[in-house]
N, C-alpha and C. Protein backbone atom coordinates (compact mmCIF):
# COMPACT_ATOMS: atom_id res chain seq x y z
N THR A 1 0.87 -1.19 -0.06
CA THR A 1 0.01 -0.01 -0.03
C THR A 1 0.81 1.15 0.03
N THR A 2 0.45 2.22 -0.77
CA THR A 2 1.21 3.47 -0.85
C THR A 2 0.55 4.39 0.15
N ALA A 3 1.28 5.50 0.35
CA ALA A 3 0.74 6.61 1.29
C ALA A 3 -0.50 7.11 0.64
N TRP A 4 -0.62 7.28 -0.62
CA TRP A 4 -1.84 7.78 -1.28
C TRP A 4 -3.01 6.77 -0.99
N GLU A 5 -2.75 5.41 -1.27
CA GLU A 5 -3.85 4.54 -1.03
C GLU A 5 -4.41 4.56 0.48
N ALA A 6 -3.42 4.69 1.37
CA ALA A 6 -3.73 4.70 2.79
C ALA A 6 -4.65 5.99 3.07
N ARG A 7 -4.31 7.04 2.47
CA ARG A 7 -5.12 8.24 2.64
C ARG A 7 -6.59 8.06 2.00
N GLU A 8 -6.66 7.43 0.81
CA GLU A 8 -7.88 7.19 0.17
C GLU A 8 -8.68 6.27 1.09
N TYR A 9 -8.11 5.30 1.64
CA TYR A 9 -8.95 4.38 2.52
C TYR A 9 -9.45 5.15 3.69
N LEU A 10 -8.53 5.84 4.40
CA LEU A 10 -8.96 6.55 5.64
C LEU A 10 -10.05 7.66 5.33
N GLU A 11 -10.00 8.20 4.10
CA GLU A 11 -10.97 9.21 3.76
C GLU A 11 -12.25 8.68 3.04
N GLY A 12 -12.28 7.34 2.75
CA GLY A 12 -13.30 6.76 1.98
C GLY A 12 -13.46 7.23 0.59
N ARG A 13 -12.27 7.48 -0.06
CA ARG A 13 -12.31 8.04 -1.49
C ARG A 13 -11.72 6.97 -2.46
N GLY A 14 -11.74 7.36 -3.71
CA GLY A 14 -11.15 6.60 -4.73
C GLY A 14 -11.88 5.16 -4.78
N ARG A 15 -11.15 4.03 -4.78
CA ARG A 15 -11.73 2.79 -4.88
C ARG A 15 -12.49 2.38 -3.66
N PHE A 16 -12.36 3.11 -2.50
CA PHE A 16 -13.08 2.86 -1.32
C PHE A 16 -14.33 3.73 -1.19
N LEU A 17 -14.59 4.50 -2.21
CA LEU A 17 -15.85 5.39 -2.18
C LEU A 17 -17.12 4.60 -2.09
N ASN A 18 -17.26 3.54 -2.77
CA ASN A 18 -18.51 2.75 -2.72
C ASN A 18 -18.64 1.75 -1.67
N CYS A 19 -17.67 1.68 -0.79
CA CYS A 19 -17.75 0.73 0.30
C CYS A 19 -18.89 1.21 1.33
N ARG A 20 -19.65 0.22 1.79
CA ARG A 20 -20.76 0.62 2.70
C ARG A 20 -20.10 1.24 3.93
N GLU A 21 -19.14 0.55 4.50
CA GLU A 21 -18.42 1.05 5.64
C GLU A 21 -16.94 0.92 5.45
N THR A 22 -16.28 1.95 5.76
CA THR A 22 -14.80 1.90 5.74
C THR A 22 -14.37 2.04 7.16
N PRO A 23 -14.28 0.96 7.93
CA PRO A 23 -13.95 1.08 9.39
C PRO A 23 -12.61 1.63 9.52
N LEU A 24 -12.42 2.47 10.56
CA LEU A 24 -11.08 2.98 10.92
C LEU A 24 -10.30 1.94 11.53
N PRO A 25 -8.96 1.86 11.15
CA PRO A 25 -8.20 0.84 11.95
C PRO A 25 -7.93 1.24 13.42
N ASN A 26 -7.53 0.37 14.10
CA ASN A 26 -7.07 0.65 15.49
C ASN A 26 -5.55 0.89 15.61
N LEU A 27 -4.88 0.56 14.48
CA LEU A 27 -3.44 0.71 14.45
C LEU A 27 -3.04 0.78 12.95
N ILE A 28 -2.03 1.60 12.61
CA ILE A 28 -1.50 1.71 11.31
C ILE A 28 -0.06 1.27 11.39
N VAL A 29 0.37 0.42 10.52
CA VAL A 29 1.73 0.00 10.44
C VAL A 29 2.21 0.38 9.02
N CYS A 30 3.33 1.16 9.00
CA CYS A 30 3.84 1.71 7.80
C CYS A 30 5.31 1.21 7.61
N ASP A 31 5.62 0.92 6.36
CA ASP A 31 7.11 0.75 6.06
C ASP A 31 7.69 2.17 5.93
N LEU A 32 8.84 2.29 6.61
CA LEU A 32 9.45 3.69 6.60
C LEU A 32 9.72 4.14 5.28
N HIS A 33 9.93 3.25 4.30
CA HIS A 33 10.25 3.64 2.95
C HIS A 33 9.15 3.26 2.00
N MET A 34 7.83 3.35 2.44
CA MET A 34 6.76 3.07 1.59
C MET A 34 6.70 4.09 0.46
N ALA A 35 6.00 3.69 -0.63
CA ALA A 35 5.93 4.57 -1.79
C ALA A 35 5.06 5.80 -1.28
N GLY A 36 5.60 6.98 -1.59
CA GLY A 36 5.01 8.14 -1.06
C GLY A 36 5.76 8.64 0.19
N SER A 37 5.65 9.74 0.61
CA SER A 37 6.37 10.18 1.77
C SER A 37 5.64 9.78 3.05
N VAL A 38 6.39 9.05 3.82
CA VAL A 38 5.76 8.62 5.20
C VAL A 38 5.71 9.95 6.07
N THR A 39 6.60 10.88 6.00
CA THR A 39 6.53 12.03 6.77
C THR A 39 5.30 12.85 6.38
N ASP A 40 5.05 13.01 5.12
CA ASP A 40 3.86 13.71 4.64
C ASP A 40 2.63 13.00 5.14
N PHE A 41 2.59 11.68 5.01
CA PHE A 41 1.42 10.95 5.50
C PHE A 41 1.17 11.21 6.95
N LEU A 42 2.30 11.16 7.77
CA LEU A 42 2.09 11.35 9.29
C LEU A 42 1.50 12.70 9.50
N LYS A 43 2.15 13.75 8.79
CA LYS A 43 1.59 15.10 8.97
C LYS A 43 0.14 15.17 8.62
N TRP A 44 -0.22 14.54 7.47
CA TRP A 44 -1.66 14.64 7.03
C TRP A 44 -2.58 13.97 8.00
N LEU A 45 -2.07 12.85 8.55
CA LEU A 45 -2.88 12.07 9.57
C LEU A 45 -3.08 12.90 10.86
N ARG A 46 -2.06 13.54 11.32
CA ARG A 46 -2.12 14.34 12.55
C ARG A 46 -3.05 15.63 12.32
N ASP A 47 -3.20 16.00 11.16
CA ASP A 47 -4.00 17.20 10.79
C ASP A 47 -5.45 16.87 10.74
N HIS A 48 -5.82 15.57 10.92
CA HIS A 48 -7.31 15.16 10.95
C HIS A 48 -7.67 14.75 12.27
N ARG A 49 -8.66 15.51 12.89
CA ARG A 49 -9.05 15.35 14.26
C ARG A 49 -9.45 13.98 14.55
N GLU A 50 -10.24 13.30 13.61
CA GLU A 50 -10.78 11.95 13.90
C GLU A 50 -9.64 10.91 13.72
N LEU A 51 -8.52 11.32 13.11
CA LEU A 51 -7.48 10.19 12.88
C LEU A 51 -6.16 10.48 13.69
N LYS A 52 -6.03 11.59 14.21
CA LYS A 52 -4.72 11.98 14.84
C LYS A 52 -4.36 11.10 16.03
N ARG A 53 -5.27 10.44 16.64
CA ARG A 53 -4.96 9.60 17.80
C ARG A 53 -4.62 8.19 17.48
N LEU A 54 -4.79 7.81 16.14
CA LEU A 54 -4.43 6.42 15.76
C LEU A 54 -2.90 6.17 15.94
N PRO A 55 -2.57 5.13 16.61
CA PRO A 55 -1.13 4.88 16.67
C PRO A 55 -0.50 4.38 15.40
N VAL A 56 0.65 4.91 15.09
CA VAL A 56 1.35 4.58 13.85
C VAL A 56 2.70 3.99 14.23
N VAL A 57 2.83 2.72 13.90
CA VAL A 57 4.05 2.03 14.01
C VAL A 57 4.81 1.89 12.70
N LEU A 58 6.14 2.21 12.83
CA LEU A 58 6.93 2.28 11.53
C LEU A 58 7.89 0.98 11.58
N TRP A 59 8.07 0.45 10.44
CA TRP A 59 8.88 -0.74 10.19
C TRP A 59 9.98 -0.23 9.32
N SER A 60 11.21 -0.71 9.52
CA SER A 60 12.34 -0.34 8.53
C SER A 60 13.41 -1.34 8.54
N GLY A 61 14.03 -1.44 7.48
CA GLY A 61 15.19 -2.35 7.26
C GLY A 61 16.39 -1.95 8.10
N HIS A 62 16.46 -0.58 8.33
CA HIS A 62 17.48 -0.12 9.11
C HIS A 62 17.04 1.26 9.67
N LEU A 63 17.62 1.75 10.79
CA LEU A 63 17.20 2.93 11.42
C LEU A 63 18.35 3.93 11.50
N ALA A 64 18.09 5.14 11.19
CA ALA A 64 19.03 6.19 11.35
C ALA A 64 18.40 7.16 12.39
N ALA A 65 19.18 7.59 13.33
CA ALA A 65 18.68 8.38 14.59
C ALA A 65 18.00 9.69 14.12
N ALA A 66 18.63 10.40 13.12
CA ALA A 66 18.01 11.76 12.73
C ALA A 66 16.71 11.57 12.08
N PRO A 67 16.55 10.84 11.03
CA PRO A 67 15.22 10.68 10.44
C PRO A 67 14.23 9.96 11.38
N LEU A 68 14.62 9.09 12.18
CA LEU A 68 13.71 8.47 13.15
C LEU A 68 13.16 9.47 14.06
N ASN A 69 13.95 10.35 14.63
CA ASN A 69 13.54 11.40 15.50
C ASN A 69 12.49 12.32 14.87
N VAL A 70 12.76 12.69 13.62
CA VAL A 70 11.80 13.49 12.88
C VAL A 70 10.44 12.79 12.71
N LEU A 71 10.50 11.47 12.40
CA LEU A 71 9.24 10.74 12.24
C LEU A 71 8.49 10.51 13.61
N LEU A 72 9.19 10.37 14.72
CA LEU A 72 8.58 10.21 15.95
C LEU A 72 7.95 11.55 16.34
N GLU A 73 8.61 12.62 16.09
CA GLU A 73 8.13 14.03 16.44
C GLU A 73 6.93 14.37 15.61
N THR A 74 6.90 13.79 14.32
CA THR A 74 5.83 14.04 13.38
C THR A 74 4.51 13.26 13.68
N GLY A 75 4.64 12.16 14.42
CA GLY A 75 3.49 11.42 14.85
C GLY A 75 3.57 9.93 14.87
N GLY A 76 4.80 9.39 14.55
CA GLY A 76 4.98 8.03 14.67
C GLY A 76 5.02 7.63 16.09
N SER A 77 4.42 6.46 16.35
CA SER A 77 4.27 6.01 17.79
C SER A 77 5.46 5.12 18.27
N ARG A 78 5.98 4.31 17.33
CA ARG A 78 7.11 3.42 17.66
C ARG A 78 7.76 3.03 16.28
N CYS A 79 8.96 2.62 16.40
CA CYS A 79 9.67 2.11 15.15
C CYS A 79 10.44 0.84 15.42
N PHE A 80 10.32 -0.07 14.56
CA PHE A 80 10.92 -1.43 14.78
C PHE A 80 11.80 -1.71 13.43
N VAL A 81 12.87 -2.50 13.59
CA VAL A 81 13.71 -2.87 12.51
C VAL A 81 13.15 -4.24 12.02
N LYS A 82 13.01 -4.36 10.75
CA LYS A 82 12.65 -5.61 10.27
C LYS A 82 13.63 -6.70 10.36
N THR A 83 13.19 -7.95 10.58
CA THR A 83 14.04 -9.00 10.87
C THR A 83 13.64 -10.28 9.97
N PRO A 84 14.67 -10.99 9.58
CA PRO A 84 14.33 -12.22 8.78
C PRO A 84 13.90 -13.34 9.66
N SER A 85 14.13 -13.25 10.98
CA SER A 85 13.74 -14.27 11.89
C SER A 85 12.23 -14.25 12.26
N PHE A 86 11.51 -15.37 12.08
CA PHE A 86 10.11 -15.38 12.42
C PHE A 86 9.90 -15.24 13.96
N GLU A 87 10.74 -15.80 14.71
CA GLU A 87 10.64 -15.74 16.14
C GLU A 87 10.85 -14.29 16.68
N LYS A 88 11.82 -13.64 15.99
CA LYS A 88 12.09 -12.15 16.44
C LYS A 88 10.94 -11.33 15.91
N LEU A 89 10.35 -11.57 14.75
CA LEU A 89 9.28 -10.86 14.27
C LEU A 89 7.99 -11.03 15.21
N CYS A 90 7.77 -12.22 15.67
CA CYS A 90 6.66 -12.45 16.65
C CYS A 90 6.92 -11.61 17.94
N ALA A 91 8.21 -11.63 18.44
CA ALA A 91 8.49 -10.94 19.61
C ALA A 91 8.35 -9.46 19.40
N ASP A 92 8.70 -8.94 18.23
CA ASP A 92 8.58 -7.47 17.96
C ASP A 92 7.05 -7.08 17.89
N VAL A 93 6.31 -7.95 17.25
CA VAL A 93 4.86 -7.68 17.11
C VAL A 93 4.27 -7.56 18.51
N GLN A 94 4.64 -8.60 19.41
CA GLN A 94 4.13 -8.63 20.73
C GLN A 94 4.53 -7.35 21.51
N ALA A 95 5.84 -6.97 21.34
CA ALA A 95 6.35 -5.81 22.02
C ALA A 95 5.58 -4.53 21.52
N MET A 96 5.20 -4.54 20.27
CA MET A 96 4.45 -3.29 19.79
C MET A 96 3.11 -3.29 20.33
N LEU A 97 2.41 -4.43 20.52
CA LEU A 97 1.12 -4.47 21.05
C LEU A 97 1.14 -4.16 22.56
N ASP A 98 2.16 -4.64 23.19
CA ASP A 98 2.23 -4.35 24.70
C ASP A 98 2.55 -2.85 24.88
N HIS A 99 3.29 -2.22 23.90
CA HIS A 99 3.56 -0.85 24.11
C HIS A 99 2.36 0.07 23.87
N LEU A 100 1.47 -0.39 23.02
CA LEU A 100 0.22 0.31 22.66
C LEU A 100 -0.93 0.12 23.72
N HIS A 101 -0.74 -0.84 24.59
CA HIS A 101 -1.84 -1.05 25.51
C HIS A 101 -1.66 -0.18 26.75
């Protein structure tokens, strides 16, 4: 999913226009390098009163401190590094859920 598609879903536009209900998610998980600007998507999300409280977890193949700080200040809730290990992935997902409760 691109940043644009995520916005269309959250606004009920485009291919989601004819959906009877477009339920809002309880959590948004974004790839740090998704197509479209994740920073712009976070800013857009935080500018919408009904969406700004949604937790946004960022996944990345690598983390750099400076961009990460900007993303967390912009509205990201947490950031995780992708792992090829299934066990580590499960542990990361559990940590993410624990952090959000």
